[in-house]
Protein backbone atom coordinates (compact mmCIF):
# COMPACT_ATOMS: atom_id res chain seq x y z
CA UNK A 1 102.06 -109.37 -96.35
CA UNK A 2 102.16 -112.13 -99.07
CA UNK A 3 99.49 -113.41 -100.78
CA UNK A 4 98.28 -116.96 -101.50
CA UNK A 5 98.76 -117.62 -105.03
CA UNK A 6 97.80 -120.80 -107.12
CA UNK A 7 101.55 -121.85 -106.93
CA UNK A 8 101.83 -121.82 -103.24
CA UNK A 9 98.30 -123.01 -101.84
CA UNK A 10 99.10 -126.64 -102.15
CA UNK A 11 101.92 -125.91 -99.69
CA UNK A 12 99.47 -124.82 -97.31
CA UNK A 13 97.88 -128.07 -95.42
CA UNK A 14 94.87 -128.03 -92.99
CA UNK A 15 96.19 -131.13 -91.05
CA UNK A 16 93.44 -132.65 -88.92
CA UNK A 17 94.18 -133.85 -85.56
CA UNK A 18 95.09 -137.66 -85.48
CA UNK A 19 93.39 -139.53 -82.66
CA UNK A 20 93.55 -143.25 -81.66
CA UNK A 21 90.71 -144.54 -79.73
CA UNK A 22 91.15 -147.81 -78.11
CA UNK A 23 87.50 -149.60 -77.70
CA UNK A 24 88.01 -152.71 -75.19
CA UNK A 25 85.44 -155.40 -74.53
CA UNK A 26 85.26 -155.84 -70.96
CA UNK A 27 83.12 -158.49 -68.84
CA UNK A 28 79.82 -156.36 -69.14
CA UNK A 29 80.55 -153.65 -71.88
CA UNK A 30 82.88 -151.94 -74.05
CA UNK A 31 85.13 -149.10 -72.68
CA UNK A 32 86.95 -146.59 -75.05
CA UNK A 33 89.55 -144.27 -74.21
CA UNK A 34 91.88 -141.70 -76.52
CA UNK A 35 95.07 -143.41 -76.81
CA UNK A 36 96.79 -140.04 -77.29
CA UNK A 37 95.25 -137.50 -75.65
CA UNK A 38 94.03 -137.34 -71.94
CA UNK A 39 90.68 -137.02 -70.43
CA UNK A 40 88.83 -138.73 -73.41
CA UNK A 41 87.17 -141.73 -72.13
CA UNK A 42 83.60 -143.45 -73.12
CA UNK A 43 81.69 -146.78 -73.05
CA UNK A 44 78.34 -148.62 -73.98
CA UNK A 45 76.89 -151.97 -74.33
CA UNK A 46 77.93 -152.07 -77.89
CA UNK A 47 80.74 -150.76 -80.09
CA UNK A 48 78.62 -148.29 -81.64
CA UNK A 49 77.41 -147.01 -78.22
CA UNK A 50 81.29 -146.68 -77.23
CA UNK A 51 82.10 -144.57 -80.39
CA UNK A 52 79.02 -142.38 -80.04
CA UNK A 53 80.25 -141.89 -76.07
CA UNK A 54 83.61 -141.46 -77.18
CA UNK A 55 82.30 -138.40 -79.61
CA UNK A 56 80.47 -136.93 -76.75
CA UNK A 57 83.32 -137.00 -74.47
CA UNK A 58 85.48 -135.41 -76.91
CA UNK A 59 82.88 -132.23 -77.48
CA UNK A 60 82.66 -132.12 -73.91
CA UNK A 61 86.32 -132.21 -73.29
CA UNK A 62 86.60 -129.31 -76.20
CA UNK A 63 83.82 -127.22 -74.33
CA UNK A 64 84.88 -127.57 -70.82
CA UNK A 65 88.76 -126.79 -71.45
CA UNK A 66 87.83 -123.55 -74.02
CA UNK A 67 89.18 -125.63 -77.21
CA UNK A 68 88.15 -124.63 -80.08
CA UNK A 69 86.09 -127.29 -81.89
CA UNK A 70 88.36 -128.99 -84.87
CA UNK A 71 88.05 -131.95 -87.08
CA UNK A 72 89.82 -135.33 -85.86
CA UNK A 73 91.02 -138.02 -88.07
CA UNK A 74 89.91 -140.86 -85.45
CA UNK A 75 91.29 -144.38 -85.68
CA UNK A 76 89.66 -146.95 -83.88
CA UNK A 77 91.37 -150.15 -82.54
CA UNK A 78 88.97 -152.62 -81.54
CA UNK A 79 90.63 -155.05 -78.57
CA UNK A 80 88.55 -158.39 -77.53
CA UNK A 81 89.90 -160.55 -75.07
CA UNK A 82 93.32 -158.68 -75.50
CA UNK A 83 93.55 -159.25 -79.35
CA UNK A 84 93.06 -156.35 -81.74
């Protein structure tokens, strides 16, 4: 088995999974969902609450689907009145 040396370590990247979260302003609250991962939803009275809710949803999704917790690079897209 080849060993890692300084010269080939830079070729190995621990890429984070990219997750795009859409947060939409509705009449009563902010709803949130993952654009590129099924089953991740959240919401709240504020954008911050929606972000917290989506993070909780992600943790629960991983737990209940026996997925090893991993790091995600999360991009938030805020939509208010149909505009980003």
